[in-house]
PDB file of N, CA and C in Angstrom:
ATOM      1  N   MET A   1      -8.259 -78.975 -31.213  1.00  0.00           N
ATOM      2  CA  MET A   1      -7.121 -78.563 -30.681  1.00  0.00           C
ATOM      3  C   MET A   1      -6.372 -78.009 -31.942  1.00  0.00           C
ATOM      4  N   GLU A   2      -5.639 -77.250 -31.645  1.00  0.00           N
ATOM      5  CA  GLU A   2      -4.849 -76.766 -32.697  1.00  0.00           C
ATOM      6  C   GLU A   2      -3.383 -76.908 -31.819  1.00  0.00           C
ATOM      7  N   TYR A   3      -2.442 -77.225 -32.840  1.00  0.00           N
ATOM      8  CA  TYR A   3      -0.983 -77.072 -31.926  1.00  0.00           C
ATOM      9  C   TYR A   3      -0.197 -76.572 -33.288  1.00  0.00           C
ATOM     10  N   LYS A   4       0.457 -75.257 -32.852  1.00  0.00           N
ATOM     11  CA  LYS A   4       1.408 -75.080 -34.151  1.00  0.00           C
ATOM     12  C   LYS A   4       2.634 -74.690 -33.579  1.00  0.00           C
ATOM     13  N   VAL A   5       3.623 -75.093 -34.491  1.00  0.00           N
ATOM     14  CA  VAL A   5       5.249 -74.655 -34.266  1.00  0.00           C
ATOM     15  C   VAL A   5       5.546 -73.664 -35.224  1.00  0.00           C
ATOM     16  N   GLN A   6       6.478 -72.919 -34.886  1.00  0.00           N
ATOM     17  CA  GLN A   6       7.047 -71.749 -35.980  1.00  0.00           C
ATOM     18  C   GLN A   6       8.402 -72.035 -35.907  1.00  0.00           C
ATOM     19  N   ILE A   7       9.156 -72.551 -36.923  1.00  0.00           N
ATOM     20  CA  ILE A   7      10.413 -72.634 -37.314  1.00  0.00           C
ATOM     21  C   ILE A   7      10.929 -71.580 -38.077  1.00  0.00           C
ATOM     22  N   ASN A   8      12.368 -71.390 -38.054  1.00  0.00           N
ATOM     23  CA  ASN A   8      12.656 -70.014 -38.873  1.00  0.00           C
ATOM     24  C   ASN A   8      13.777 -70.615 -39.964  1.00  0.00           C
ATOM     25  N   SER A   9      13.824 -71.869 -39.780  1.00  0.00           N
ATOM     26  CA  SER A   9      14.568 -72.842 -40.849  1.00  0.00           C
ATOM     27  C   SER A   9      14.553 -73.912 -40.812  1.00  0.00           C
ATOM     28  N   LEU A  10      14.358 -74.700 -42.050  1.00  0.00           N
ATOM     29  CA  LEU A  10      14.150 -76.258 -42.385  1.00  0.00           C
ATOM     30  C   LEU A  10      15.126 -77.018 -41.726  1.00  0.00           C
ATOM     31  N   ASP A  11      15.974 -76.390 -41.321  1.00  0.00           N
ATOM     32  CA  ASP A  11      17.284 -76.879 -40.816  1.00  0.00           C
ATOM     33  C   ASP A  11      16.929 -77.343 -39.468  1.00  0.00           C
ATOM     34  N   ASN A  12      15.865 -76.843 -38.851  1.00  0.00           N
ATOM     35  CA  ASN A  12      15.245 -76.990 -37.581  1.00  0.00           C
ATOM     36  C   ASN A  12      14.113 -78.091 -37.747  1.00  0.00           C
ATOM     37  N   PHE A  13      13.583 -78.392 -38.788  1.00  0.00           N
ATOM     38  CA  PHE A  13      12.629 -79.246 -39.058  1.00  0.00           C
ATOM     39  C   PHE A  13      12.978 -80.779 -38.906  1.00  0.00           C
ATOM     40  N   LYS A  14      12.139 -81.621 -38.059  1.00  0.00           N
ATOM     41  CA  LYS A  14      12.513 -82.989 -37.808  1.00  0.00           C
ATOM     42  C   LYS A  14      11.960 -83.797 -38.799  1.00  0.00           C
ATOM     43  N   ALA A  15      12.489 -83.941 -39.813  1.00  0.00           N
ATOM     44  CA  ALA A  15      11.705 -84.661 -41.285  1.00  0.00           C
ATOM     45  C   ALA A  15      11.956 -86.303 -40.639  1.00  0.00           C
ATOM     46  N   TRP A  16      11.395 -87.075 -41.544  1.00  0.00           N
ATOM     47  CA  TRP A  16      11.286 -88.487 -41.366  1.00  0.00           C
ATOM     48  C   TRP A  16      11.312 -89.416 -42.764  1.00  0.00           C
ATOM     49  N   SER A  17      11.891 -90.561 -42.899  1.00  0.00           N
ATOM     50  CA  SER A  17      11.796 -91.133 -43.710  1.00  0.00           C
ATOM     51  C   SER A  17      12.289 -90.498 -45.037  1.00  0.00           C
ATOM     52  N   GLY A  18      11.419 -90.455 -46.408  1.00  0.00           N
ATOM     53  CA  GLY A  18      12.069 -89.800 -47.687  1.00  0.00           C
ATOM     54  C   GLY A  18      12.302 -88.324 -47.591  1.00  0.00           C
ATOM     55  N   GLY A  19      11.542 -87.895 -46.387  1.00  0.00           N
ATOM     56  CA  GLY A  19      11.627 -86.190 -46.437  1.00  0.00           C
ATOM     57  C   GLY A  19      12.993 -86.149 -45.745  1.00  0.00           C
ATOM     58  N   LEU A  20      13.394 -86.832 -44.649  1.00  0.00           N
ATOM     59  CA  LEU A  20      14.715 -86.645 -44.154  1.00  0.00           C
ATOM     60  C   LEU A  20      16.062 -86.964 -44.901  1.00  0.00           C
ATOM     61  N   THR A  21      15.731 -87.898 -46.064  1.00  0.00           N
ATOM     62  CA  THR A  21      16.640 -88.290 -46.950  1.00  0.00           C
ATOM     63  C   THR A  21      16.832 -86.940 -47.875  1.00  0.00           C
ATOM     64  N   THR A  22      15.622 -86.410 -48.344  1.00  0.00           N
ATOM     65  CA  THR A  22      16.133 -84.855 -49.058  1.00  0.00           C
ATOM     66  C   THR A  22      16.775 -84.053 -48.285  1.00  0.00           C
ATOM     67  N   LEU A  23      16.196 -83.868 -47.139  1.00  0.00           N
ATOM     68  CA  LEU A  23      16.443 -82.585 -46.254  1.00  0.00           C
ATOM     69  C   LEU A  23      18.040 -82.767 -45.897  1.00  0.00           C
ATOM     70  N   ASN A  24      18.404 -84.255 -45.829  1.00  0.00           N
ATOM     71  CA  ASN A  24      19.938 -84.137 -45.662  1.00  0.00           C
ATOM     72  C   ASN A  24      20.903 -83.948 -46.549  1.00  0.00           C
ATOM     73  N   THR A  25      20.210 -84.321 -47.622  1.00  0.00           N
ATOM     74  CA  THR A  25      20.883 -84.375 -48.944  1.00  0.00           C
ATOM     75  C   THR A  25      21.387 -82.691 -49.072  1.00  0.00           C
ATOM     76  N   VAL A  26      20.451 -82.009 -48.882  1.00  0.00           N
ATOM     77  CA  VAL A  26      20.136 -80.496 -49.190  1.00  0.00           C
ATOM     78  C   VAL A  26      21.083 -79.969 -47.843  1.00  0.00           C
ATOM     79  N   ARG A  27      21.145 -80.139 -46.971  1.00  0.00           N
ATOM     80  CA  ARG A  27      21.947 -80.005 -45.877  1.00  0.00           C
ATOM     81  C   ARG A  27      23.384 -80.243 -46.320  1.00  0.00           C
ATOM     82  N   GLU A  28      23.743 -81.430 -46.775  1.00  0.00           N
ATOM     83  CA  GLU A  28      25.237 -81.811 -46.964  1.00  0.00           C
ATOM     84  C   GLU A  28      25.681 -80.848 -48.092  1.00  0.00           C
ATOM     85  N   ARG A  29      24.627 -80.412 -49.086  1.00  0.00           N
ATOM     86  CA  ARG A  29      24.968 -79.667 -50.093  1.00  0.00           C
ATOM     87  C   ARG A  29      24.949 -77.839 -49.766  1.00  0.00           C
ATOM     88  N   GLY A  30      24.798 -77.521 -48.376  1.00  0.00           N
ATOM     89  CA  GLY A  30      24.485 -76.323 -47.870  1.00  0.00           C
ATOM     90  C   GLY A  30      23.227 -75.536 -48.329  1.00  0.00           C
ATOM     91  N   GLY A  31      22.291 -75.914 -48.944  1.00  0.00           N
ATOM     92  CA  GLY A  31      21.317 -75.301 -49.640  1.00  0.00           C
ATOM     93  C   GLY A  31      19.907 -75.061 -48.758  1.00  0.00           C
ATOM     94  N   VAL A  32      20.131 -75.192 -47.225  1.00  0.00           N
ATOM     95  CA  VAL A  32      18.918 -75.240 -46.343  1.00  0.00           C
ATOM     96  C   VAL A  32      18.487 -73.843 -46.500  1.00  0.00           C
ATOM     97  N   ASP A  33      19.014 -72.782 -46.499  1.00  0.00           N
ATOM     98  CA  ASP A  33      18.403 -71.346 -46.566  1.00  0.00           C
ATOM     99  C   ASP A  33      17.668 -71.186 -47.795  1.00  0.00           C
ATOM    100  N   THR A  34      18.097 -71.427 -48.679  1.00  0.00           N
ATOM    101  CA  THR A  34      17.469 -71.409 -49.990  1.00  0.00           C
ATOM    102  C   THR A  34      16.312 -72.357 -50.095  1.00  0.00           C
ATOM    103  N   LEU A  35      16.294 -73.852 -49.625  1.00  0.00           N
ATOM    104  CA  LEU A  35      15.152 -74.677 -49.492  1.00  0.00           C
ATOM    105  C   LEU A  35      14.191 -74.146 -48.570  1.00  0.00           C
ATOM    106  N   THR A  36      14.325 -73.419 -47.415  1.00  0.00           N
ATOM    107  CA  THR A  36      13.578 -72.735 -46.782  1.00  0.00           C
ATOM    108  C   THR A  36      12.561 -71.522 -47.122  1.00  0.00           C
ATOM    109  N   VAL A  37      13.422 -70.741 -47.981  1.00  0.00           N
ATOM    110  CA  VAL A  37      12.689 -69.852 -48.713  1.00  0.00           C
ATOM    111  C   VAL A  37      11.868 -70.328 -49.769  1.00  0.00           C
ATOM    112  N   ILE A  38      12.108 -71.441 -50.615  1.00  0.00           N
ATOM    113  CA  ILE A  38      11.116 -71.728 -51.425  1.00  0.00           C
ATOM    114  C   ILE A  38      10.344 -72.595 -50.850  1.00  0.00           C
ATOM    115  N   CYS A  39      10.113 -73.108 -49.793  1.00  0.00           N
ATOM    116  CA  CYS A  39       9.013 -73.671 -48.927  1.00  0.00           C
ATOM    117  C   CYS A  39       8.190 -72.562 -48.674  1.00  0.00           C
ATOM    118  N   GLU A  40       8.880 -71.574 -48.063  1.00  0.00           N
ATOM    119  CA  GLU A  40       7.837 -70.391 -47.697  1.00  0.00           C
ATOM    120  C   GLU A  40       6.921 -69.981 -49.019  1.00  0.00           C
ATOM    121  N   ASP A  41       7.598 -70.029 -50.130  1.00  0.00           N
ATOM    122  CA  ASP A  41       6.762 -69.503 -51.334  1.00  0.00           C
ATOM    123  C   ASP A  41       5.754 -70.645 -51.664  1.00  0.00           C
ATOM    124  N   ILE A  42       6.364 -71.782 -51.625  1.00  0.00           N
ATOM    125  CA  ILE A  42       5.262 -73.060 -51.904  1.00  0.00           C
ATOM    126  C   ILE A  42       4.063 -72.994 -51.102  1.00  0.00           C
ATOM    127  N   PHE A  43       4.099 -72.981 -49.763  1.00  0.00           N
ATOM    128  CA  PHE A  43       2.889 -72.736 -48.686  1.00  0.00           C
ATOM    129  C   PHE A  43       2.606 -71.538 -48.491  1.00  0.00           C
ATOM    130  N   SER A  44       3.075 -70.539 -49.223  1.00  0.00           N
ATOM    131  CA  SER A  44       2.642 -69.200 -48.869  1.00  0.00           C
ATOM    132  C   SER A  44       1.124 -68.813 -48.585  1.00  0.00           C
ATOM    133  N   GLY A  45       0.884 -68.219 -47.406  1.00  0.00           N
ATOM    134  CA  GLY A  45      -0.625 -68.023 -47.156  1.00  0.00           C
ATOM    135  C   GLY A  45      -1.159 -68.838 -46.444  1.00  0.00           C
ATOM    136  N   ASN A  46      -0.665 -70.025 -46.246  1.00  0.00           N
ATOM    137  CA  ASN A  46      -1.094 -71.115 -45.721  1.00  0.00           C
ATOM    138  C   ASN A  46      -0.063 -71.760 -44.586  1.00  0.00           C
ATOM    139  N   THR A  47      -0.485 -72.122 -43.563  1.00  0.00           N
ATOM    140  CA  THR A  47      -0.002 -72.930 -42.433  1.00  0.00           C
ATOM    141  C   THR A  47       0.279 -74.473 -42.734  1.00  0.00           C
ATOM    142  N   PRO A  48       1.135 -74.786 -43.240  1.00  0.00           N
ATOM    143  CA  PRO A  48       1.359 -76.397 -43.293  1.00  0.00           C
ATOM    144  C   PRO A  48       1.488 -77.255 -42.210  1.00  0.00           C
ATOM    145  N   THR A  49       0.965 -78.094 -42.165  1.00  0.00           N
ATOM    146  CA  THR A  49       1.342 -79.294 -41.042  1.00  0.00           C
ATOM    147  C   THR A  49       2.636 -79.853 -41.145  1.00  0.00           C
ATOM    148  N   GLU A  50       3.144 -80.469 -40.440  1.00  0.00           N
ATOM    149  CA  GLU A  50       4.428 -81.102 -40.314  1.00  0.00           C
ATOM    150  C   GLU A  50       4.448 -82.363 -41.334  1.00  0.00           C
ATOM    151  N   VAL A  51       3.241 -82.939 -41.587  1.00  0.00           N
ATOM    152  CA  VAL A  51       2.942 -84.103 -42.505  1.00  0.00           C
ATOM    153  C   VAL A  51       3.214 -83.296 -43.914  1.00  0.00           C
ATOM    154  N   GLN A  52       2.497 -82.431 -44.286  1.00  0.00           N
ATOM    155  CA  GLN A  52       2.741 -81.552 -45.688  1.00  0.00           C
ATOM    156  C   GLN A  52       3.975 -81.364 -45.629  1.00  0.00           C
ATOM    157  N   ILE A  53       4.623 -80.757 -44.833  1.00  0.00           N
ATOM    158  CA  ILE A  53       6.107 -80.293 -45.231  1.00  0.00           C
ATOM    159  C   ILE A  53       6.825 -81.803 -45.321  1.00  0.00           C
ATOM    160  N   ASN A  54       6.699 -82.591 -44.580  1.00  0.00           N
ATOM    161  CA  ASN A  54       7.523 -83.806 -44.802  1.00  0.00           C
ATOM    162  C   ASN A  54       7.211 -84.411 -46.079  1.00  0.00           C
ATOM    163  N   ASP A  55       5.875 -84.399 -46.291  1.00  0.00           N
ATOM    164  CA  ASP A  55       5.580 -85.112 -47.907  1.00  0.00           C
ATOM    165  C   ASP A  55       6.033 -84.351 -49.032  1.00  0.00           C
ATOM    166  N   TRP A  56       5.906 -83.031 -48.985  1.00  0.00           N
ATOM    167  CA  TRP A  56       6.564 -82.184 -49.895  1.00  0.00           C
ATOM    168  C   TRP A  56       8.127 -82.442 -49.991  1.00  0.00           C
ATOM    169  N   LEU A  57       8.732 -82.465 -48.973  1.00  0.00           N
ATOM    170  CA  LEU A  57      10.183 -82.918 -48.793  1.00  0.00           C
ATOM    171  C   LEU A  57      10.448 -84.339 -49.608  1.00  0.00           C
ATOM    172  N   TRP A  58       9.664 -85.283 -48.984  1.00  0.00           N
ATOM    173  CA  TRP A  58       9.781 -86.605 -49.784  1.00  0.00           C
ATOM    174  C   TRP A  58       9.177 -86.833 -51.362  1.00  0.00           C
ATOM    175  N   PHE A  59       7.952 -86.227 -51.631  1.00  0.00           N
ATOM    176  CA  PHE A  59       7.507 -86.511 -52.821  1.00  0.00           C
ATOM    177  C   PHE A  59       7.819 -85.604 -54.207  1.00  0.00           C
ATOM    178  N   ASP A  60       8.315 -84.489 -53.479  1.00  0.00           N
ATOM    179  CA  ASP A  60       8.543 -83.593 -54.830  1.00  0.00           C
ATOM    180  C   ASP A  60      10.275 -83.348 -54.793  1.00  0.00           C
ATOM    181  N   SER A  61      10.975 -84.307 -54.075  1.00  0.00           N
ATOM    182  CA  SER A  61      12.504 -84.138 -54.273  1.00  0.00           C
ATOM    183  C   SER A  61      13.304 -83.587 -55.549  1.00  0.00           C
ATOM    184  N   ASP A  62      12.465 -84.252 -56.854  1.00  0.00           N
ATOM    185  CA  ASP A  62      13.008 -83.727 -57.897  1.00  0.00           C
ATOM    186  C   ASP A  62      12.756 -82.367 -58.363  1.00  0.00           C
ATOM    187  N   PHE A  63      11.712 -81.625 -57.766  1.00  0.00           N
ATOM    188  CA  PHE A  63      11.433 -80.386 -57.833  1.00  0.00           C
ATOM    189  C   PHE A  63      12.294 -79.417 -57.115  1.00  0.00           C
ATOM    190  N   ILE A  64      12.550 -79.978 -55.796  1.00  0.00           N
ATOM    191  CA  ILE A  64      13.520 -79.288 -54.824  1.00  0.00           C
ATOM    192  C   ILE A  64      14.745 -79.191 -55.589  1.00  0.00           C
ATOM    193  N   TYR A  65      15.099 -80.518 -56.018  1.00  0.00           N
ATOM    194  CA  TYR A  65      16.767 -80.424 -56.563  1.00  0.00           C
ATOM    195  C   TYR A  65      16.972 -79.936 -57.754  1.00  0.00           C
ATOM    196  N   GLN A  66      15.818 -79.671 -58.942  1.00  0.00           N
ATOM    197  CA  GLN A  66      15.951 -78.741 -59.966  1.00  0.00           C
ATOM    198  C   GLN A  66      15.947 -77.421 -59.393  1.00  0.00           C
ATOM    199  N   ALA A  67      15.126 -76.801 -58.143  1.00  0.00           N
ATOM    200  CA  ALA A  67      15.235 -75.573 -58.017  1.00  0.00           C
ATOM    201  C   ALA A  67      16.514 -75.236 -57.307  1.00  0.00           C
ATOM    202  N   LEU A  68      16.822 -76.089 -57.002  1.00  0.00           N
ATOM    203  CA  LEU A  68      18.080 -75.731 -56.170  1.00  0.00           C
ATOM    204  C   LEU A  68      19.575 -76.187 -56.948  1.00  0.00           C
ATOM    205  N   GLY A  69      19.401 -76.582 -58.078  1.00  0.00           N
ATOM    206  CA  GLY A  69      20.327 -76.595 -59.477  1.00  0.00           C
ATOM    207  C   GLY A  69      21.111 -77.937 -59.078  1.00  0.00           C
ATOM    208  N   TYR A  70      20.610 -78.917 -58.434  1.00  0.00           N
ATOM    209  CA  TYR A  70      21.441 -79.979 -58.084  1.00  0.00           C
ATOM    210  C   TYR A  70      21.031 -80.912 -59.284  1.00  0.00           C
ATOM    211  N   ASP A  71      20.987 -80.484 -60.557  1.00  0.00           N
ATOM    212  CA  ASP A  71      20.708 -81.509 -61.615  1.00  0.00           C
ATOM    213  C   ASP A  71      21.220 -82.918 -61.736  1.00  0.00           C
ATOM    214  N   ASP A  72      22.292 -83.298 -61.084  1.00  0.00           N
ATOM    215  CA  ASP A  72      22.890 -84.641 -61.018  1.00  0.00           C
ATOM    216  C   ASP A  72      22.445 -85.490 -60.161  1.00  0.00           C
ATOM    217  N   LEU A  73      21.137 -84.930 -59.343  1.00  0.00           N
ATOM    218  CA  LEU A  73      20.311 -85.766 -58.504  1.00  0.00           C
ATOM    219  C   LEU A  73      19.060 -86.227 -58.930  1.00  0.00           C
ATOM    220  N   LEU A  74      18.546 -85.371 -60.228  1.00  0.00           N
ATOM    221  CA  LEU A  74      17.237 -85.454 -60.772  1.00  0.00           C
ATOM    222  C   LEU A  74      17.330 -87.158 -61.417  1.00  0.00           C
ATOM    223  N   GLU A  75      16.023 -87.632 -61.306  1.00  0.00           N
ATOM    224  CA  GLU A  75      15.801 -89.058 -61.735  1.00  0.00           C
ATOM    225  C   GLU A  75      15.729 -88.869 -63.243  1.00  0.00           C
ATOM    226  N   ALA A  76      16.363 -89.755 -63.974  1.00  0.00           N
ATOM    227  CA  ALA A  76      16.162 -90.044 -65.271  1.00  0.00           C
ATOM    228  C   ALA A  76      14.575 -90.283 -65.719  1.00  0.00           C
ATOM    229  N   SER A  77      14.148 -89.744 -66.649  1.00  0.00           N
ATOM    230  CA  SER A  77      12.756 -89.964 -67.082  1.00  0.00           C
ATOM    231  C   SER A  77      12.574 -90.872 -67.862  1.00  0.00           C
TER     232      SER A  77
END
């Protein structure tokens, strides 16, 4: 069985754990619309699962913060 949910914005996505931390940071800074566009580009042509979206938010937070210009949040290498 396949179950699909369509969301128009990541603001409506129910993230958890580290994905929620990243999403809440972006929400606080007003970048959800831009993040939604980036997400659509990243997963273009594919329908990601909720886990894939959450893992992207969680484990690619440096990429997300850099793409949104949040350089102050990037982890020092």
